Amino acid sequence: MHGLNVPINRAAALMGISEQHLRIRLQRNRYDFGSAEILKKNGSRYTYHINAKGLADYLGLTVEEVMVWQRED
């Protein structure tokens, strides 16, 4: 369960920030719980990974709380 990916929109909502803010911070390696990977050589497209356990630890929640929130969406 702990290797689950949390979608950008859900992680941003849990954090109380915009999706764009979260994307930019991931691109700049500002959060340990997620990453941004460049898909094109020109750097214009990214894919994002947000680890459920890492996000839960950052927010002071349990993984189960993060995942329950996802199911309620």
Protein backbone atom coordinates (compact mmCIF):
# COMPACT_ATOMS: atom_id res chain seq x y z
CA MET A 1 0.00 0.00 0.00
CA HIS A 2 2.80 2.44 0.81
CA GLY A 3 4.06 2.58 -2.81
CA LEU A 4 0.79 4.07 -4.01
CA ASN A 5 0.85 7.24 -6.09
CA VAL A 6 -1.34 10.19 -5.09
CA PRO A 7 -2.68 12.30 -7.99
CA ILE A 8 -1.59 15.94 -8.16
CA ASN A 9 -5.11 17.32 -7.68
CA ARG A 10 -5.70 15.27 -4.55
CA ALA A 11 -2.30 15.97 -3.01
CA ALA A 12 -2.70 19.70 -3.64
CA ALA A 13 -6.15 19.69 -2.05
CA LEU A 14 -4.87 17.86 1.03
CA MET A 15 -2.03 20.37 1.30
CA GLY A 16 -4.27 23.40 0.74
CA ILE A 17 -2.23 24.67 -2.24
CA SER A 18 -2.85 24.97 -5.95
CA GLU A 19 -1.99 22.15 -8.34
CA GLN A 20 0.37 24.46 -10.23
CA HIS A 21 2.19 25.39 -7.02
CA LEU A 22 2.68 21.71 -6.23
CA ARG A 23 3.91 20.93 -9.75
CA ILE A 24 6.48 23.72 -9.68
CA ARG A 25 7.75 22.72 -6.25
CA LEU A 26 8.10 19.10 -7.39
CA GLN A 27 9.98 20.24 -10.51
CA ARG A 28 12.39 22.14 -8.24
CA ASN A 29 12.83 19.16 -5.88
CA ARG A 30 11.36 21.05 -2.91
CA TYR A 31 9.43 18.10 -1.46
CA ASP A 32 10.91 14.76 -0.41
CA PHE A 33 7.63 12.88 -0.89
CA GLY A 34 7.42 13.33 -4.65
CA SER A 35 9.25 13.93 -7.89
CA ALA A 36 8.87 15.34 -11.38
CA GLU A 37 10.39 13.59 -14.37
CA ILE A 38 10.97 15.36 -17.68
CA LEU A 39 9.28 13.50 -20.54
CA LYS A 40 10.69 15.52 -23.44
CA LYS A 41 14.26 16.60 -23.96
CA ASN A 42 13.21 20.25 -24.19
CA GLY A 43 11.83 20.04 -20.66
CA SER A 44 8.31 21.17 -21.51
CA ARG A 45 6.43 18.08 -20.27
CA TYR A 46 6.65 16.31 -16.94
CA THR A 47 5.22 13.30 -15.22
CA TYR A 48 4.76 13.41 -11.45
CA HIS A 49 4.95 10.84 -8.69
CA ILE A 50 3.74 11.54 -5.15
CA ASN A 51 4.32 8.75 -2.67
CA ALA A 52 1.32 8.18 -0.39
CA LYS A 53 3.43 7.35 2.68
CA GLY A 54 5.76 10.29 2.11
CA LEU A 55 2.84 12.68 1.73
CA ALA A 56 1.13 11.25 4.80
CA ASP A 57 4.30 11.69 6.87
CA TYR A 58 4.72 15.27 5.61
CA LEU A 59 1.13 16.15 6.53
CA GLY A 60 1.10 14.29 9.84
CA LEU A 61 -1.55 11.87 8.61
CA THR A 62 -1.63 8.12 8.24
CA VAL A 63 -1.45 6.52 4.81
CA GLU A 64 -4.95 5.22 5.45
CA GLU A 65 -6.22 8.78 5.99
CA VAL A 66 -4.67 9.91 2.70
CA MET A 67 -6.15 6.94 0.84
CA VAL A 68 -9.61 7.29 2.42
CA TRP A 69 -9.65 10.93 1.37
CA GLN A 70 -8.89 9.78 -2.20
CA ARG A 71 -11.79 7.34 -2.22
CA GLU A 72 -14.20 10.04 -1.03
CA ASP A 73 -13.34 12.31 -3.97
